[in-house]
Amino acid sequence: MSKVKNGDYVQVHYTGALENGDVFDSSEGRGPLEFQAGGGMVIPGFNDAVMGMAVDEEKKVVLPPDQAYGERREDLEREFDCEMLGGQKVEVGQMLQFSSPRGPMPAKVLDVGADKFKVDFNHPLAGQTLVFNIKLAGISDQPTQQSCGCGCSSTDCGSTCG
């Protein structure tokens, strides 16, 4: 029986939850997530969890922050002048998109004052221990799904698993 090795394309069904059981993402109701094992398109612990799995094998893994989205970093909370918004109104909790040399960077608005606003560039799941139930649906040497380039299938882009 074939087992996942580095470079294989894998298709997995999964449910991701926080330690308290709150589900933050799942492939339920859509096709499996496809990615190349070892390709760097998913969080490290998720990639490591599928290595050595066989088709139809299931497992539950608990990933500490260093194997998921990292620890929260206070230095990723930044303050900006409101004039850079060009008159656009923003509210606490709103997500904004910033441009950076590495591409678009989402940030959550933490505070809005008269002259300044503060945002958080941490991933929303940073600092969290994540629990994944994974079922390996397939292994192939080529992609089986059309991809948008972020590691997901194009029908479920926006998945927080990647």
C-alpha atoms as a PDB file:
ATOM      1  CA  MET A   1       0.000   0.000   0.000  1.00  0.00           C
ATOM      2  CA  SER A   2       1.344   3.410  -1.030  1.00  0.00           C
ATOM      3  CA  LYS A   3       2.133   5.944   1.701  1.00  0.00           C
ATOM      4  CA  VAL A   4       2.629   9.690   1.413  1.00  0.00           C
ATOM      5  CA  LYS A   5       6.186  10.791   0.785  1.00  0.00           C
ATOM      6  CA  ASN A   6       7.785  14.152   0.078  1.00  0.00           C
ATOM      7  CA  GLY A   7       6.738  15.489  -3.350  1.00  0.00           C
ATOM      8  CA  ASP A   8       3.482  13.506  -3.599  1.00  0.00           C
ATOM      9  CA  TYR A   9       0.258  15.368  -4.301  1.00  0.00           C
ATOM     10  CA  VAL A  10      -2.237  14.494  -1.596  1.00  0.00           C
ATOM     11  CA  GLN A  11      -5.967  14.982  -1.299  1.00  0.00           C
ATOM     12  CA  VAL A  12      -7.273  15.213   2.268  1.00  0.00           C
ATOM     13  CA  HIS A  13     -10.569  15.753   3.992  1.00  0.00           C
ATOM     14  CA  TYR A  14     -10.174  17.566   7.280  1.00  0.00           C
ATOM     15  CA  THR A  15     -11.839  19.405  10.103  1.00  0.00           C
ATOM     16  CA  GLY A  16      -9.832  21.998  12.007  1.00  0.00           C
ATOM     17  CA  ALA A  17     -10.893  23.082  15.471  1.00  0.00           C
ATOM     18  CA  LEU A  18      -9.594  25.071  18.405  1.00  0.00           C
ATOM     19  CA  GLU A  19      -8.830  23.252  21.660  1.00  0.00           C
ATOM     20  CA  ASN A  20     -12.303  24.162  22.965  1.00  0.00           C
ATOM     21  CA  GLY A  21     -13.878  22.305  20.021  1.00  0.00           C
ATOM     22  CA  ASP A  22     -14.926  25.356  17.971  1.00  0.00           C
ATOM     23  CA  VAL A  23     -14.516  24.412  14.299  1.00  0.00           C
ATOM     24  CA  PHE A  24     -12.726  27.082  12.230  1.00  0.00           C
ATOM     25  CA  ASP A  25     -12.492  25.211   8.904  1.00  0.00           C
ATOM     26  CA  SER A  26     -13.567  21.977   7.258  1.00  0.00           C
ATOM     27  CA  SER A  27     -13.620  20.350   3.844  1.00  0.00           C
ATOM     28  CA  GLU A  28     -17.082  18.969   4.618  1.00  0.00           C
ATOM     29  CA  GLY A  29     -19.474  19.725   1.792  1.00  0.00           C
ATOM     30  CA  ARG A  30     -16.717  20.403  -0.742  1.00  0.00           C
ATOM     31  CA  GLY A  31     -13.877  18.554  -2.406  1.00  0.00           C
ATOM     32  CA  PRO A  32     -10.768  17.528  -0.523  1.00  0.00           C
ATOM     33  CA  LEU A  33      -7.872  19.916  -0.005  1.00  0.00           C
ATOM     34  CA  GLU A  34      -5.021  19.121  -2.395  1.00  0.00           C
ATOM     35  CA  PHE A  35      -1.390  20.097  -1.836  1.00  0.00           C
ATOM     36  CA  GLN A  36       2.089  18.816  -2.549  1.00  0.00           C
ATOM     37  CA  ALA A  37       3.631  17.156   0.503  1.00  0.00           C
ATOM     38  CA  GLY A  38       6.723  19.127   1.438  1.00  0.00           C
ATOM     39  CA  GLY A  39       5.769  21.963  -0.917  1.00  0.00           C
ATOM     40  CA  GLY A  40       5.321  24.570   1.818  1.00  0.00           C
ATOM     41  CA  MET A  41       1.698  25.359   0.931  1.00  0.00           C
ATOM     42  CA  VAL A  42       0.147  24.300   4.264  1.00  0.00           C
ATOM     43  CA  ILE A  43       1.145  24.844   7.882  1.00  0.00           C
ATOM     44  CA  PRO A  44       4.115  22.676   8.942  1.00  0.00           C
ATOM     45  CA  GLY A  45       2.264  20.433  11.392  1.00  0.00           C
ATOM     46  CA  PHE A  46      -0.485  19.659   8.877  1.00  0.00           C
ATOM     47  CA  ASN A  47       2.122  18.731   6.249  1.00  0.00           C
ATOM     48  CA  ASP A  48       4.002  16.548   8.747  1.00  0.00           C
ATOM     49  CA  ALA A  49       0.764  14.843   9.833  1.00  0.00           C
ATOM     50  CA  VAL A  50       0.036  13.473   6.357  1.00  0.00           C
ATOM     51  CA  MET A  51       3.555  12.135   5.778  1.00  0.00           C
ATOM     52  CA  GLY A  52       3.491   8.330   5.876  1.00  0.00           C
ATOM     53  CA  MET A  53      -0.328   8.117   5.754  1.00  0.00           C
ATOM     54  CA  ALA A  54      -2.068   5.633   3.443  1.00  0.00           C
ATOM     55  CA  VAL A  55      -5.267   6.252   1.457  1.00  0.00           C
ATOM     56  CA  ASP A  56      -8.381   6.051   3.685  1.00  0.00           C
ATOM     57  CA  GLU A  57      -6.249   6.356   6.834  1.00  0.00           C
ATOM     58  CA  GLU A  58      -7.593   8.761   9.438  1.00  0.00           C
ATOM     59  CA  LYS A  59      -5.843  10.524  12.274  1.00  0.00           C
ATOM     60  CA  LYS A  60      -6.297  13.252  14.817  1.00  0.00           C
ATOM     61  CA  VAL A  61      -3.388  15.638  15.398  1.00  0.00           C
ATOM     62  CA  VAL A  62      -2.911  18.412  17.924  1.00  0.00           C
ATOM     63  CA  LEU A  63      -0.677  21.188  16.653  1.00  0.00           C
ATOM     64  CA  PRO A  64       0.900  23.707  19.030  1.00  0.00           C
ATOM     65  CA  PRO A  65       1.350  27.255  17.684  1.00  0.00           C
ATOM     66  CA  ASP A  66       4.912  26.601  16.463  1.00  0.00           C
ATOM     67  CA  GLN A  67       3.550  23.881  14.143  1.00  0.00           C
ATOM     68  CA  ALA A  68       0.580  25.989  13.044  1.00  0.00           C
ATOM     69  CA  TYR A  69       0.454  29.783  12.624  1.00  0.00           C
ATOM     70  CA  GLY A  70       3.109  30.689  15.198  1.00  0.00           C
ATOM     71  CA  GLU A  71       2.882  32.616  18.428  1.00  0.00           C
ATOM     72  CA  ARG A  72       1.143  35.996  18.517  1.00  0.00           C
ATOM     73  CA  ARG A  73       3.644  38.783  18.100  1.00  0.00           C
ATOM     74  CA  GLU A  74       3.063  42.211  19.609  1.00  0.00           C
ATOM     75  CA  ASP A  75       5.418  43.738  17.030  1.00  0.00           C
ATOM     76  CA  LEU A  76       2.840  42.837  14.355  1.00  0.00           C
ATOM     77  CA  GLU A  77       0.406  45.321  15.884  1.00  0.00           C
ATOM     78  CA  ARG A  78       1.061  48.645  14.178  1.00  0.00           C
ATOM     79  CA  GLU A  79      -0.289  52.159  14.355  1.00  0.00           C
ATOM     80  CA  PHE A  80      -0.843  54.388  11.307  1.00  0.00           C
ATOM     81  CA  ASP A  81      -2.020  57.927  10.636  1.00  0.00           C
ATOM     82  CA  CYS A  82      -5.707  58.086   9.704  1.00  0.00           C
ATOM     83  CA  GLU A  83      -4.866  60.343   6.750  1.00  0.00           C
ATOM     84  CA  MET A  84      -3.476  57.294   4.909  1.00  0.00           C
ATOM     85  CA  LEU A  85      -7.097  56.061   4.723  1.00  0.00           C
ATOM     86  CA  GLY A  86      -7.963  58.923   2.383  1.00  0.00           C
ATOM     87  CA  GLY A  87     -11.202  59.652   4.196  1.00  0.00           C
ATOM     88  CA  GLN A  88     -12.346  56.013   4.237  1.00  0.00           C
ATOM     89  CA  LYS A  89     -14.135  55.144   7.474  1.00  0.00           C
ATOM     90  CA  VAL A  90     -12.930  52.027   9.294  1.00  0.00           C
ATOM     91  CA  GLU A  91     -14.325  50.218  12.314  1.00  0.00           C
ATOM     92  CA  VAL A  92     -12.804  48.048  15.015  1.00  0.00           C
ATOM     93  CA  GLY A  93     -12.854  44.423  13.869  1.00  0.00           C
ATOM     94  CA  GLN A  94     -12.829  45.317  10.161  1.00  0.00           C
ATOM     95  CA  MET A  95     -10.259  43.572   7.951  1.00  0.00           C
ATOM     96  CA  LEU A  96      -8.065  45.779   5.759  1.00  0.00           C
ATOM     97  CA  GLN A  97      -5.696  44.779   2.943  1.00  0.00           C
ATOM     98  CA  PHE A  98      -2.226  46.360   2.922  1.00  0.00           C
ATOM     99  CA  SER A  99       0.374  46.129   0.163  1.00  0.00           C
ATOM    100  CA  SER A 100       3.869  44.909   0.995  1.00  0.00           C
ATOM    101  CA  PRO A 101       6.942  43.764  -0.956  1.00  0.00           C
ATOM    102  CA  ARG A 102       5.799  40.172  -0.211  1.00  0.00           C
ATOM    103  CA  GLY A 103       2.306  40.783  -1.561  1.00  0.00           C
ATOM    104  CA  PRO A 104      -1.039  41.621   0.066  1.00  0.00           C
ATOM    105  CA  MET A 105      -1.155  41.587   3.862  1.00  0.00           C
ATOM    106  CA  PRO A 106      -4.496  41.375   5.672  1.00  0.00           C
ATOM    107  CA  ALA A 107      -4.811  43.151   9.014  1.00  0.00           C
ATOM    108  CA  LYS A 108      -7.569  43.474  11.585  1.00  0.00           C
ATOM    109  CA  VAL A 109      -8.436  46.947  12.883  1.00  0.00           C
ATOM    110  CA  LEU A 110      -7.922  47.013  16.665  1.00  0.00           C
ATOM    111  CA  ASP A 111      -8.534  50.678  17.467  1.00  0.00           C
ATOM    112  CA  VAL A 112      -9.564  53.865  15.697  1.00  0.00           C
ATOM    113  CA  GLY A 113      -8.746  57.275  17.142  1.00  0.00           C
ATOM    114  CA  ALA A 114      -9.093  60.829  15.870  1.00  0.00           C
ATOM    115  CA  ASP A 115      -5.652  60.847  14.191  1.00  0.00           C
ATOM    116  CA  LYS A 116      -4.389  57.254  14.380  1.00  0.00           C
ATOM    117  CA  PHE A 117      -5.643  53.729  13.859  1.00  0.00           C
ATOM    118  CA  LYS A 118      -4.101  50.464  15.030  1.00  0.00           C
ATOM    119  CA  VAL A 119      -4.102  47.151  13.150  1.00  0.00           C
ATOM    120  CA  ASP A 120      -2.978  43.587  13.863  1.00  0.00           C
ATOM    121  CA  PHE A 121      -1.041  41.733  11.148  1.00  0.00           C
ATOM    122  CA  ASN A 122      -0.976  38.442  13.118  1.00  0.00           C
ATOM    123  CA  HIS A 123      -2.794  35.523  11.505  1.00  0.00           C
ATOM    124  CA  PRO A 124      -6.202  35.161  13.232  1.00  0.00           C
ATOM    125  CA  LEU A 125      -5.141  31.699  14.493  1.00  0.00           C
ATOM    126  CA  ALA A 126      -1.686  32.789  15.736  1.00  0.00           C
ATOM    127  CA  GLY A 127      -1.027  31.638  19.282  1.00  0.00           C
ATOM    128  CA  GLN A 128      -3.688  28.916  19.084  1.00  0.00           C
ATOM    129  CA  THR A 129      -3.258  25.173  19.517  1.00  0.00           C
ATOM    130  CA  LEU A 130      -5.172  23.567  16.643  1.00  0.00           C
ATOM    131  CA  VAL A 131      -6.809  20.139  16.461  1.00  0.00           C
ATOM    132  CA  PHE A 132      -7.225  18.497  13.057  1.00  0.00           C
ATOM    133  CA  ASN A 133      -9.101  15.356  12.107  1.00  0.00           C
ATOM    134  CA  ILE A 134      -7.590  14.256   8.802  1.00  0.00           C
ATOM    135  CA  LYS A 135      -8.591  11.556   6.324  1.00  0.00           C
ATOM    136  CA  LEU A 136      -6.294  10.893   3.373  1.00  0.00           C
ATOM    137  CA  ALA A 137      -8.484  10.633   0.276  1.00  0.00           C
ATOM    138  CA  GLY A 138      -5.769  10.193  -2.346  1.00  0.00           C
ATOM    139  CA  ILE A 139      -2.111  10.232  -3.353  1.00  0.00           C
ATOM    140  CA  SER A 140      -0.871  11.087  -6.845  1.00  0.00           C
ATOM    141  CA  ASP A 141       2.296  12.163  -8.618  1.00  0.00           C
ATOM    142  CA  GLN A 142       0.480  15.036 -10.397  1.00  0.00           C
ATOM    143  CA  PRO A 143      -2.135  17.559  -9.243  1.00  0.00           C
ATOM    144  CA  THR A 144      -5.686  16.283  -9.695  1.00  0.00           C
ATOM    145  CA  GLN A 145      -7.443  19.626  -9.144  1.00  0.00           C
ATOM    146  CA  GLN A 146      -7.170  23.015 -10.788  1.00  0.00           C
ATOM    147  CA  SER A 147      -5.376  25.276  -8.299  1.00  0.00           C
ATOM    148  CA  CYS A 148      -5.388  29.016  -7.860  1.00  0.00           C
ATOM    149  CA  GLY A 149      -1.771  28.866  -6.678  1.00  0.00           C
ATOM    150  CA  CYS A 150      -2.408  29.116  -2.948  1.00  0.00           C
ATOM    151  CA  GLY A 151      -2.465  25.365  -2.339  1.00  0.00           C
ATOM    152  CA  CYS A 152      -6.213  24.935  -2.299  1.00  0.00           C
ATOM    153  CA  SER A 153      -8.542  23.746  -5.000  1.00  0.00           C
ATOM    154  CA  SER A 154     -10.010  26.716  -6.839  1.00  0.00           C
ATOM    155  CA  THR A 155     -13.488  25.896  -5.555  1.00  0.00           C
ATOM    156  CA  ASP A 156     -12.533  26.384  -1.904  1.00  0.00           C
ATOM    157  CA  CYS A 157      -9.981  29.198  -2.079  1.00  0.00           C
ATOM    158  CA  GLY A 158      -9.832  31.105   1.156  1.00  0.00           C
ATOM    159  CA  SER A 159      -9.431  27.999   3.280  1.00  0.00           C
ATOM    160  CA  THR A 160      -7.627  28.784   6.534  1.00  0.00           C
ATOM    161  CA  CYS A 161      -5.806  25.499   6.467  1.00  0.00           C
ATOM    162  CA  GLY A 162      -3.116  26.610   4.043  1.00  0.00           C
END
